[in-house]
Each structure stands twice: as C-alpha cells, then as structure tokens.
Amino acid sequence: MDKLLEPSNCIPCMLPFITSQFLTRSQGDRPQVIPKISENFAFIGQFVEVPDDVVFTVEYSVRTAQIAVYGLLKLEKKPIPMYKGDHHIEVLFDAMKTLLT
C-alpha cells in the first residue's frame, strides 16, 4: 500500500456512514424539517423527513432548505415540485422497452 500511495497526493479515508441514507426507516426516524415545537429553527439536508422524496440528490437538500425558509418566514410559496417520472406514460413506456430488450 505504501508503494502505491508514495507517488500520490491521495489521502485514503473511510466513510463508515455513507450508506446510512439508504437504510430502511420508519416514521419518526428522521425529524421533520420544521418540528412542531419550533418557531425559529429547522433542520435541512439529507437526514430530515420529506414525504415521497428520494434522498441522496441535490434536489432533496435544496427542497429541505426551501421548506425551512418558506415555513419559518411564513411565505405562501411552495418548494420546487418533485419530478414524478412514474406518472408519465412516456417514461413508463421507455422503461418497459428497456426491460424487454
């Protein structure tokens, strides 16, 4: 290992919790973006609950920040809507074609 790393500027590291986003979870495992008892703080990022959304995307993190800001400032704005490809017939048709080839 030393022979491989000597000419390199790479520093190996371990990411022991990198897969934690993909573990199964139950209702209540993650906090809401704006907890019910909160008036002036919110949680943002990959480890908060956003119903029907998929973690590990930039959009998820952006959406949690939007929910936090809009909610705490009591703005009448909605976060960017999620793309629901499973509701588009063209996407479903392309997926079926791919499966059959």
PDB file of N, CA and C in Angstrom:
ATOM      1  N   MET A   1       0.827  -1.184   0.000  1.00  0.00           N
ATOM      2  CA  MET A   1       0.000   0.000   0.000  1.00  0.00           C
ATOM      3  C   MET A   1       0.880   1.261   0.000  1.00  0.00           C
ATOM      4  N   ASP A   2       1.939   1.245   0.794  1.00  0.00           N
ATOM      5  CA  ASP A   2       2.822   2.418   0.851  1.00  0.00           C
ATOM      6  C   ASP A   2       3.439   2.712  -0.508  1.00  0.00           C
ATOM      7  N   LYS A   3       3.800   1.647  -1.233  1.00  0.00           N
ATOM      8  CA  LYS A   3       4.396   1.826  -2.551  1.00  0.00           C
ATOM      9  C   LYS A   3       3.413   2.502  -3.509  1.00  0.00           C
ATOM     10  N   LEU A   4       2.143   2.161  -3.398  1.00  0.00           N
ATOM     11  CA  LEU A   4       1.118   2.758  -4.252  1.00  0.00           C
ATOM     12  C   LEU A   4       0.840   4.214  -3.872  1.00  0.00           C
ATOM     13  N   LEU A   5       0.845   4.499  -2.590  1.00  0.00           N
ATOM     14  CA  LEU A   5       0.478   5.836  -2.132  1.00  0.00           C
ATOM     15  C   LEU A   5       1.621   6.840  -2.180  1.00  0.00           C
ATOM     16  N   GLU A   6       2.855   6.364  -2.197  1.00  0.00           N
ATOM     17  CA  GLU A   6       4.012   7.254  -2.158  1.00  0.00           C
ATOM     18  C   GLU A   6       4.004   8.317  -3.263  1.00  0.00           C
ATOM     19  N   PRO A   7       3.810   7.956  -4.538  1.00  0.00           N
ATOM     20  CA  PRO A   7       3.834   8.995  -5.581  1.00  0.00           C
ATOM     21  C   PRO A   7       2.515   9.763  -5.703  1.00  0.00           C
ATOM     22  N   SER A   8       1.569   9.447  -4.863  1.00  0.00           N
ATOM     23  CA  SER A   8       0.237  10.028  -4.992  1.00  0.00           C
ATOM     24  C   SER A   8      -0.003  11.122  -3.961  1.00  0.00           C
ATOM     25  N   ASN A   9      -0.894  12.033  -4.289  1.00  0.00           N
ATOM     26  CA  ASN A   9      -1.303  13.027  -3.302  1.00  0.00           C
ATOM     27  C   ASN A   9      -2.677  12.671  -2.729  1.00  0.00           C
ATOM     28  N   CYS A  10      -3.079  11.437  -2.937  1.00  0.00           N
ATOM     29  CA  CYS A  10      -4.364  10.942  -2.461  1.00  0.00           C
ATOM     30  C   CYS A  10      -4.254  10.535  -0.992  1.00  0.00           C
ATOM     31  N   ILE A  11      -5.238  10.936  -0.204  1.00  0.00           N
ATOM     32  CA  ILE A  11      -5.284  10.544   1.197  1.00  0.00           C
ATOM     33  C   ILE A  11      -6.483   9.612   1.361  1.00  0.00           C
ATOM     34  N   PRO A  12      -6.240   8.329   1.601  1.00  0.00           N
ATOM     35  CA  PRO A  12      -7.362   7.408   1.734  1.00  0.00           C
ATOM     36  C   PRO A  12      -8.183   7.729   2.985  1.00  0.00           C
ATOM     37  N   CYS A  13      -9.459   7.524   2.878  1.00  0.00           N
ATOM     38  CA  CYS A  13     -10.321   7.762   4.036  1.00  0.00           C
ATOM     39  C   CYS A  13     -11.456   6.758   4.011  1.00  0.00           C
ATOM     40  N   MET A  14     -12.070   6.595   5.161  1.00  0.00           N
ATOM     41  CA  MET A  14     -13.213   5.696   5.273  1.00  0.00           C
ATOM     42  C   MET A  14     -14.465   6.538   5.477  1.00  0.00           C
ATOM     43  N   LEU A  15     -15.543   6.083   4.910  1.00  0.00           N
ATOM     44  CA  LEU A  15     -16.827   6.754   5.074  1.00  0.00           C
ATOM     45  C   LEU A  15     -17.804   5.752   5.679  1.00  0.00           C
ATOM     46  N   PRO A  16     -17.705   5.524   6.987  1.00  0.00           N
ATOM     47  CA  PRO A  16     -18.500   4.441   7.588  1.00  0.00           C
ATOM     48  C   PRO A  16     -20.008   4.654   7.545  1.00  0.00           C
ATOM     49  N   PHE A  17     -20.460   5.878   7.411  1.00  0.00           N
ATOM     50  CA  PHE A  17     -21.897   6.125   7.435  1.00  0.00           C
ATOM     51  C   PHE A  17     -22.464   6.487   6.057  1.00  0.00           C
ATOM     52  N   ILE A  18     -21.701   6.276   4.998  1.00  0.00           N
ATOM     53  CA  ILE A  18     -22.122   6.701   3.674  1.00  0.00           C
ATOM     54  C   ILE A  18     -23.392   5.989   3.213  1.00  0.00           C
ATOM     55  N   THR A  19     -23.601   4.764   3.661  1.00  0.00           N
ATOM     56  CA  THR A  19     -24.791   4.037   3.230  1.00  0.00           C
ATOM     57  C   THR A  19     -25.989   4.251   4.151  1.00  0.00           C
ATOM     58  N   SER A  20     -25.830   5.031   5.196  1.00  0.00           N
ATOM     59  CA  SER A  20     -26.917   5.201   6.160  1.00  0.00           C
ATOM     60  C   SER A  20     -28.148   5.843   5.530  1.00  0.00           C
ATOM     61  N   GLN A  21     -27.970   6.614   4.475  1.00  0.00           N
ATOM     62  CA  GLN A  21     -29.118   7.232   3.813  1.00  0.00           C
ATOM     63  C   GLN A  21     -30.025   6.199   3.158  1.00  0.00           C
ATOM     64  N   PHE A  22     -29.485   5.053   2.834  1.00  0.00           N
ATOM     65  CA  PHE A  22     -30.245   4.060   2.093  1.00  0.00           C
ATOM     66  C   PHE A  22     -30.821   2.953   2.977  1.00  0.00           C
ATOM     67  N   LEU A  23     -30.619   3.048   4.274  1.00  0.00           N
ATOM     68  CA  LEU A  23     -31.175   2.047   5.172  1.00  0.00           C
ATOM     69  C   LEU A  23     -32.690   2.212   5.264  1.00  0.00           C
ATOM     70  N   THR A  24     -33.367   1.122   5.539  1.00  0.00           N
ATOM     71  CA  THR A  24     -34.809   1.215   5.734  1.00  0.00           C
ATOM     72  C   THR A  24     -35.081   2.056   6.976  1.00  0.00           C
ATOM     73  N   ARG A  25     -36.196   2.731   6.969  1.00  0.00           N
ATOM     74  CA  ARG A  25     -36.522   3.571   8.111  1.00  0.00           C
ATOM     75  C   ARG A  25     -38.020   3.544   8.358  1.00  0.00           C
ATOM     76  N   SER A  26     -38.375   3.965   9.528  1.00  0.00           N
ATOM     77  CA  SER A  26     -39.777   4.017   9.921  1.00  0.00           C
ATOM     78  C   SER A  26     -40.174   5.458  10.165  1.00  0.00           C
ATOM     79  N   GLN A  27     -41.481   5.683  10.215  1.00  0.00           N
ATOM     80  CA  GLN A  27     -41.989   7.009  10.522  1.00  0.00           C
ATOM     81  C   GLN A  27     -41.421   7.446  11.868  1.00  0.00           C
ATOM     82  N   GLY A  28     -40.855   8.622  11.908  1.00  0.00           N
ATOM     83  CA  GLY A  28     -40.296   9.141  13.149  1.00  0.00           C
ATOM     84  C   GLY A  28     -38.802   8.954  13.297  1.00  0.00           C
ATOM     85  N   ASP A  29     -38.166   8.215  12.381  1.00  0.00           N
ATOM     86  CA  ASP A  29     -36.720   8.035  12.457  1.00  0.00           C
ATOM     87  C   ASP A  29     -35.963   9.327  12.148  1.00  0.00           C
ATOM     88  N   ARG A  30     -36.541  10.137  11.320  1.00  0.00           N
ATOM     89  CA  ARG A  30     -35.908  11.408  10.942  1.00  0.00           C
ATOM     90  C   ARG A  30     -36.797  12.554  11.406  1.00  0.00           C
ATOM     91  N   PRO A  31     -36.189  13.659  11.787  1.00  0.00           N
ATOM     92  CA  PRO A  31     -37.021  14.793  12.216  1.00  0.00           C
ATOM     93  C   PRO A  31     -37.696  15.465  11.033  1.00  0.00           C
ATOM     94  N   GLN A  32     -38.786  16.130  11.298  1.00  0.00           N
ATOM     95  CA  GLN A  32     -39.427  16.965  10.284  1.00  0.00           C
ATOM     96  C   GLN A  32     -38.516  18.156  10.006  1.00  0.00           C
ATOM     97  N   VAL A  33     -38.632  18.757   8.835  1.00  0.00           N
ATOM     98  CA  VAL A  33     -37.820  19.931   8.517  1.00  0.00           C
ATOM     99  C   VAL A  33     -38.047  21.007   9.579  1.00  0.00           C
ATOM    100  N   ILE A  34     -39.308  21.319   9.832  1.00  0.00           N
ATOM    101  CA  ILE A  34     -39.648  22.265  10.897  1.00  0.00           C
ATOM    102  C   ILE A  34     -40.430  21.473  11.948  1.00  0.00           C
ATOM    103  N   PRO A  35     -39.793  21.154  13.069  1.00  0.00           N
ATOM    104  CA  PRO A  35     -40.505  20.408  14.111  1.00  0.00           C
ATOM    105  C   PRO A  35     -41.727  21.179  14.608  1.00  0.00           C
ATOM    106  N   LYS A  36     -42.725  20.450  15.070  1.00  0.00           N
ATOM    107  CA  LYS A  36     -43.959  21.087  15.520  1.00  0.00           C
ATOM    108  C   LYS A  36     -43.725  22.102  16.639  1.00  0.00           C
ATOM    109  N   ILE A  37     -42.735  21.881  17.482  1.00  0.00           N
ATOM    110  CA  ILE A  37     -42.486  22.782  18.613  1.00  0.00           C
ATOM    111  C   ILE A  37     -41.601  23.970  18.238  1.00  0.00           C
ATOM    112  N   SER A  38     -41.170  24.029  16.974  1.00  0.00           N
ATOM    113  CA  SER A  38     -40.214  25.056  16.559  1.00  0.00           C
ATOM    114  C   SER A  38     -40.896  26.329  16.078  1.00  0.00           C
ATOM    115  N   GLU A  39     -40.309  27.436  16.466  1.00  0.00           N
ATOM    116  CA  GLU A  39     -40.735  28.737  15.934  1.00  0.00           C
ATOM    117  C   GLU A  39     -39.601  29.442  15.208  1.00  0.00           C
ATOM    118  N   ASN A  40     -38.366  29.023  15.486  1.00  0.00           N
ATOM    119  CA  ASN A  40     -37.244  29.748  14.904  1.00  0.00           C
ATOM    120  C   ASN A  40     -36.074  28.866  14.476  1.00  0.00           C
ATOM    121  N   PHE A  41     -36.284  27.573  14.324  1.00  0.00           N
ATOM    122  CA  PHE A  41     -35.219  26.729  13.783  1.00  0.00           C
ATOM    123  C   PHE A  41     -35.817  25.602  12.953  1.00  0.00           C
ATOM    124  N   ALA A  42     -34.962  25.090  12.077  1.00  0.00           N
ATOM    125  CA  ALA A  42     -35.378  23.993  11.202  1.00  0.00           C
ATOM    126  C   ALA A  42     -34.158  23.137  10.894  1.00  0.00           C
ATOM    127  N   PHE A  43     -34.416  21.933  10.445  1.00  0.00           N
ATOM    128  CA  PHE A  43     -33.355  21.023  10.018  1.00  0.00           C
ATOM    129  C   PHE A  43     -33.350  20.976   8.495  1.00  0.00           C
ATOM    130  N   ILE A  44     -32.158  20.960   7.913  1.00  0.00           N
ATOM    131  CA  ILE A  44     -32.054  20.842   6.462  1.00  0.00           C
ATOM    132  C   ILE A  44     -31.043  19.751   6.133  1.00  0.00           C
ATOM    133  N   GLY A  45     -31.080  19.273   4.919  1.00  0.00           N
ATOM    134  CA  GLY A  45     -30.108  18.292   4.464  1.00  0.00           C
ATOM    135  C   GLY A  45     -30.708  16.923   4.227  1.00  0.00           C
ATOM    136  N   GLN A  46     -29.831  15.935   4.196  1.00  0.00           N
ATOM    137  CA  GLN A  46     -30.211  14.583   3.809  1.00  0.00           C
ATOM    138  C   GLN A  46     -30.883  13.768   4.909  1.00  0.00           C
ATOM    139  N   PHE A  47     -30.810  14.221   6.146  1.00  0.00           N
ATOM    140  CA  PHE A  47     -31.311  13.398   7.245  1.00  0.00           C
ATOM    141  C   PHE A  47     -32.546  13.980   7.906  1.00  0.00           C
ATOM    142  N   VAL A  48     -33.414  14.586   7.118  1.00  0.00           N
ATOM    143  CA  VAL A  48     -34.715  15.031   7.599  1.00  0.00           C
ATOM    144  C   VAL A  48     -35.788  14.366   6.757  1.00  0.00           C
ATOM    145  N   GLU A  49     -36.995  14.400   7.240  1.00  0.00           N
ATOM    146  CA  GLU A  49     -38.097  13.705   6.561  1.00  0.00           C
ATOM    147  C   GLU A  49     -38.788  14.617   5.553  1.00  0.00           C
ATOM    148  N   VAL A  50     -38.832  14.168   4.318  1.00  0.00           N
ATOM    149  CA  VAL A  50     -39.604  14.826   3.276  1.00  0.00           C
ATOM    150  C   VAL A  50     -40.435  13.718   2.629  1.00  0.00           C
ATOM    151  N   PRO A  51     -41.732  13.746   2.819  1.00  0.00           N
ATOM    152  CA  PRO A  51     -42.570  12.655   2.310  1.00  0.00           C
ATOM    153  C   PRO A  51     -42.429  12.448   0.796  1.00  0.00           C
ATOM    154  N   ASP A  52     -42.363  11.188   0.383  1.00  0.00           N
ATOM    155  CA  ASP A  52     -42.346  10.788  -1.027  1.00  0.00           C
ATOM    156  C   ASP A  52     -41.156  11.311  -1.807  1.00  0.00           C
ATOM    157  N   ASP A  53     -40.094  11.682  -1.148  1.00  0.00           N
ATOM    158  CA  ASP A  53     -38.917  12.170  -1.853  1.00  0.00           C
ATOM    159  C   ASP A  53     -37.794  11.145  -1.725  1.00  0.00           C
ATOM    160  N   VAL A  54     -36.746  11.298  -2.528  1.00  0.00           N
ATOM    161  CA  VAL A  54     -35.627  10.369  -2.550  1.00  0.00           C
ATOM    162  C   VAL A  54     -34.372  11.093  -2.061  1.00  0.00           C
ATOM    163  N   VAL A  55     -33.742  10.527  -1.034  1.00  0.00           N
ATOM    164  CA  VAL A  55     -32.522  11.138  -0.510  1.00  0.00           C
ATOM    165  C   VAL A  55     -31.380  10.957  -1.493  1.00  0.00           C
ATOM    166  N   PHE A  56     -30.270  11.589  -1.192  1.00  0.00           N
ATOM    167  CA  PHE A  56     -29.030  11.488  -1.960  1.00  0.00           C
ATOM    168  C   PHE A  56     -29.113  12.227  -3.292  1.00  0.00           C
ATOM    169  N   THR A  57     -29.947  13.225  -3.350  1.00  0.00           N
ATOM    170  CA  THR A  57     -29.978  14.082  -4.526  1.00  0.00           C
ATOM    171  C   THR A  57     -29.794  15.522  -4.070  1.00  0.00           C
ATOM    172  N   VAL A  58     -29.268  16.332  -4.942  1.00  0.00           N
ATOM    173  CA  VAL A  58     -29.128  17.751  -4.634  1.00  0.00           C
ATOM    174  C   VAL A  58     -30.501  18.366  -4.420  1.00  0.00           C
ATOM    175  N   GLU A  59     -31.470  17.923  -5.215  1.00  0.00           N
ATOM    176  CA  GLU A  59     -32.821  18.478  -5.107  1.00  0.00           C
ATOM    177  C   GLU A  59     -33.412  18.261  -3.718  1.00  0.00           C
ATOM    178  N   TYR A  60     -33.108  17.132  -3.100  1.00  0.00           N
ATOM    179  CA  TYR A  60     -33.611  16.843  -1.763  1.00  0.00           C
ATOM    180  C   TYR A  60     -33.096  17.890  -0.776  1.00  0.00           C
ATOM    181  N   SER A  61     -31.809  18.169  -0.847  1.00  0.00           N
ATOM    182  CA  SER A  61     -31.223  19.164   0.056  1.00  0.00           C
ATOM    183  C   SER A  61     -31.773  20.553  -0.221  1.00  0.00           C
ATOM    184  N   VAL A  62     -31.925  20.894  -1.486  1.00  0.00           N
ATOM    185  CA  VAL A  62     -32.485  22.204  -1.843  1.00  0.00           C
ATOM    186  C   VAL A  62     -33.926  22.302  -1.359  1.00  0.00           C
ATOM    187  N   ARG A  63     -34.684  21.237  -1.553  1.00  0.00           N
ATOM    188  CA  ARG A  63     -36.089  21.242  -1.141  1.00  0.00           C
ATOM    189  C   ARG A  63     -36.221  21.401   0.370  1.00  0.00           C
ATOM    190  N   THR A  64     -35.348  20.753   1.156  1.00  0.00           N
ATOM    191  CA  THR A  64     -35.435  20.908   2.610  1.00  0.00           C
ATOM    192  C   THR A  64     -35.132  22.345   3.018  1.00  0.00           C
ATOM    193  N   ALA A  65     -34.182  22.974   2.348  1.00  0.00           N
ATOM    194  CA  ALA A  65     -33.878  24.382   2.654  1.00  0.00           C
ATOM    195  C   ALA A  65     -35.057  25.276   2.278  1.00  0.00           C
ATOM    196  N   GLN A  66     -35.681  25.012   1.151  1.00  0.00           N
ATOM    197  CA  GLN A  66     -36.839  25.806   0.751  1.00  0.00           C
ATOM    198  C   GLN A  66     -37.992  25.636   1.739  1.00  0.00           C
ATOM    199  N   ILE A  67     -38.250  24.402   2.155  1.00  0.00           N
ATOM    200  CA  ILE A  67     -39.311  24.152   3.128  1.00  0.00           C
ATOM    201  C   ILE A  67     -39.019  24.923   4.411  1.00  0.00           C
ATOM    202  N   ALA A  68     -37.766  24.899   4.847  1.00  0.00           N
ATOM    203  CA  ALA A  68     -37.386  25.592   6.081  1.00  0.00           C
ATOM    204  C   ALA A  68     -37.586  27.099   5.962  1.00  0.00           C
ATOM    205  N   VAL A  69     -37.060  27.682   4.909  1.00  0.00           N
ATOM    206  CA  VAL A  69     -37.152  29.142   4.745  1.00  0.00           C
ATOM    207  C   VAL A  69     -38.596  29.584   4.563  1.00  0.00           C
ATOM    208  N   TYR A  70     -39.313  28.930   3.657  1.00  0.00           N
ATOM    209  CA  TYR A  70     -40.703  29.324   3.403  1.00  0.00           C
ATOM    210  C   TYR A  70     -41.568  29.145   4.647  1.00  0.00           C
ATOM    211  N   GLY A  71     -41.335  28.075   5.383  1.00  0.00           N
ATOM    212  CA  GLY A  71     -42.134  27.809   6.572  1.00  0.00           C
ATOM    213  C   GLY A  71     -41.838  28.765   7.712  1.00  0.00           C
ATOM    214  N   LEU A  72     -40.548  28.995   7.982  1.00  0.00           N
ATOM    215  CA  LEU A  72     -40.184  29.872   9.105  1.00  0.00           C
ATOM    216  C   LEU A  72     -40.545  31.329   8.831  1.00  0.00           C
ATOM    217  N   LEU A  73     -40.465  31.731   7.572  1.00  0.00           N
ATOM    218  CA  LEU A  73     -40.819  33.112   7.229  1.00  0.00           C
ATOM    219  C   LEU A  73     -42.296  33.268   6.900  1.00  0.00           C
ATOM    220  N   LYS A  74     -43.020  32.156   6.988  1.00  0.00           N
ATOM    221  CA  LYS A  74     -44.471  32.140   6.730  1.00  0.00           C
ATOM    222  C   LYS A  74     -44.812  32.711   5.346  1.00  0.00           C
ATOM    223  N   LEU A  75     -44.011  32.312   4.373  1.00  0.00           N
ATOM    224  CA  LEU A  75     -44.247  32.727   2.992  1.00  0.00           C
ATOM    225  C   LEU A  75     -45.258  31.797   2.346  1.00  0.00           C
ATOM    226  N   GLU A  76     -46.029  32.306   1.451  1.00  0.00           N
ATOM    227  CA  GLU A  76     -47.034  31.499   0.739  1.00  0.00           C
ATOM    228  C   GLU A  76     -46.422  30.893  -0.520  1.00  0.00           C
ATOM    229  N   LYS A  77     -45.228  30.320  -0.378  1.00  0.00           N
ATOM    230  CA  LYS A  77     -44.548  29.711  -1.516  1.00  0.00           C
ATOM    231  C   LYS A  77     -44.416  28.222  -1.267  1.00  0.00           C
ATOM    232  N   LYS A  78     -44.351  27.479  -2.335  1.00  0.00           N
ATOM    233  CA  LYS A  78     -44.169  26.030  -2.274  1.00  0.00           C
ATOM    234  C   LYS A  78     -42.770  25.691  -2.774  1.00  0.00           C
ATOM    235  N   PRO A  79     -42.151  24.653  -2.219  1.00  0.00           N
ATOM    236  CA  PRO A  79     -40.836  24.231  -2.732  1.00  0.00           C
ATOM    237  C   PRO A  79     -40.957  23.708  -4.161  1.00  0.00           C
ATOM    238  N   ILE A  80     -39.828  23.597  -4.816  1.00  0.00           N
ATOM    239  CA  ILE A  80     -39.798  23.054  -6.176  1.00  0.00           C
ATOM    240  C   ILE A  80     -40.483  21.691  -6.168  1.00  0.00           C
ATOM    241  N   PRO A  81     -41.442  21.467  -7.057  1.00  0.00           N
ATOM    242  CA  PRO A  81     -42.129  20.163  -7.058  1.00  0.00           C
ATOM    243  C   PRO A  81     -41.187  19.040  -7.488  1.00  0.00           C
ATOM    244  N   MET A  82     -41.463  17.852  -6.984  1.00  0.00           N
ATOM    245  CA  MET A  82     -40.675  16.681  -7.337  1.00  0.00           C
ATOM    246  C   MET A  82     -41.068  16.198  -8.729  1.00  0.00           C
ATOM    247  N   TYR A  83     -40.097  15.715  -9.450  1.00  0.00           N
ATOM    248  CA  TYR A  83     -40.371  15.093 -10.743  1.00  0.00           C
ATOM    249  C   TYR A  83     -40.865  13.679 -10.472  1.00  0.00           C
ATOM    250  N   LYS A  84     -42.014  13.362 -10.959  1.00  0.00           N
ATOM    251  CA  LYS A  84     -42.589  12.031 -10.743  1.00  0.00           C
ATOM    252  C   LYS A  84     -42.671  11.308 -12.083  1.00  0.00           C
ATOM    253  N   GLY A  85     -41.548  10.756 -12.485  1.00  0.00           N
ATOM    254  CA  GLY A  85     -41.470  10.065 -13.759  1.00  0.00           C
ATOM    255  C   GLY A  85     -42.372   8.848 -13.840  1.00  0.00           C
ATOM    256  N   ASP A  86     -42.685   8.263 -12.684  1.00  0.00           N
ATOM    257  CA  ASP A  86     -43.552   7.090 -12.703  1.00  0.00           C
ATOM    258  C   ASP A  86     -45.000   7.440 -13.022  1.00  0.00           C
ATOM    259  N   HIS A  87     -45.289   8.723 -13.195  1.00  0.00           N
ATOM    260  CA  HIS A  87     -46.627   9.160 -13.574  1.00  0.00           C
ATOM    261  C   HIS A  87     -46.698   9.573 -15.056  1.00  0.00           C
ATOM    262  N   HIS A  88     -45.566   9.500 -15.749  1.00  0.00           N
ATOM    263  CA  HIS A  88     -45.519   9.904 -17.155  1.00  0.00           C
ATOM    264  C   HIS A  88     -45.517   8.663 -18.036  1.00  0.00           C
ATOM    265  N   ILE A  89     -46.481   8.557 -18.904  1.00  0.00           N
ATOM    266  CA  ILE A  89     -46.633   7.374 -19.749  1.00  0.00           C
ATOM    267  C   ILE A  89     -45.405   7.158 -20.637  1.00  0.00           C
ATOM    268  N   GLU A  90     -44.773   8.247 -21.097  1.00  0.00           N
ATOM    269  CA  GLU A  90     -43.593   8.097 -21.957  1.00  0.00           C
ATOM    270  C   GLU A  90     -42.445   7.445 -21.194  1.00  0.00           C
ATOM    271  N   VAL A  91     -42.262   7.852 -19.949  1.00  0.00           N
ATOM    272  CA  VAL A  91     -41.191   7.277 -19.124  1.00  0.00           C
ATOM    273  C   VAL A  91     -41.472   5.805 -18.867  1.00  0.00           C
ATOM    274  N   LEU A  92     -42.703   5.481 -18.549  1.00  0.00           N
ATOM    275  CA  LEU A  92     -43.074   4.093 -18.306  1.00  0.00           C
ATOM    276  C   LEU A  92     -42.903   3.238 -19.559  1.00  0.00           C
ATOM    277  N   PHE A  93     -43.265   3.798 -20.705  1.00  0.00           N
ATOM    278  CA  PHE A  93     -43.119   3.081 -21.972  1.00  0.00           C
ATOM    279  C   PHE A  93     -41.642   2.821 -22.265  1.00  0.00           C
ATOM    280  N   ASP A  94     -40.792   3.834 -22.088  1.00  0.00           N
ATOM    281  CA  ASP A  94     -39.342   3.658 -22.318  1.00  0.00           C
ATOM    282  C   ASP A  94     -38.762   2.622 -21.360  1.00  0.00           C
ATOM    283  N   ALA A  95     -39.215   2.626 -20.112  1.00  0.00           N
ATOM    284  CA  ALA A  95     -38.739   1.642 -19.137  1.00  0.00           C
ATOM    285  C   ALA A  95     -39.138   0.237 -19.571  1.00  0.00           C
ATOM    286  N   MET A  96     -40.360   0.086 -20.047  1.00  0.00           N
ATOM    287  CA  MET A  96     -40.825  -1.231 -20.496  1.00  0.00           C
ATOM    288  C   MET A  96     -40.029  -1.712 -21.711  1.00  0.00           C
ATOM    289  N   LYS A  97     -39.757  -0.799 -22.647  1.00  0.00           N
ATOM    290  CA  LYS A  97     -38.959  -1.157 -23.809  1.00  0.00           C
ATOM    291  C   LYS A  97     -37.580  -1.624 -23.377  1.00  0.00           C
ATOM    292  N   THR A  98     -36.991  -0.927 -22.423  1.00  0.00           N
ATOM    293  CA  THR A  98     -35.661  -1.292 -21.941  1.00  0.00           C
ATOM    294  C   THR A  98     -35.684  -2.672 -21.293  1.00  0.00           C
ATOM    295  N   LEU A  99     -36.712  -2.941 -20.506  1.00  0.00           N
ATOM    296  CA  LEU A  99     -36.822  -4.243 -19.850  1.00  0.00           C
ATOM    297  C   LEU A  99     -36.971  -5.383 -20.848  1.00  0.00           C
ATOM    298  N   LEU A 100     -37.654  -5.127 -21.957  1.00  0.00           N
ATOM    299  CA  LEU A 100     -37.922  -6.174 -22.928  1.00  0.00           C
ATOM    300  C   LEU A 100     -36.789  -6.401 -23.927  1.00  0.00           C
ATOM    301  N   THR A 101     -35.817  -5.507 -23.965  1.00  0.00           N
ATOM    302  CA  THR A 101     -34.707  -5.677 -24.923  1.00  0.00           C
ATOM    303  C   THR A 101     -33.519  -6.328 -24.279  1.00  0.00           C
TER     304      THR A 101
END
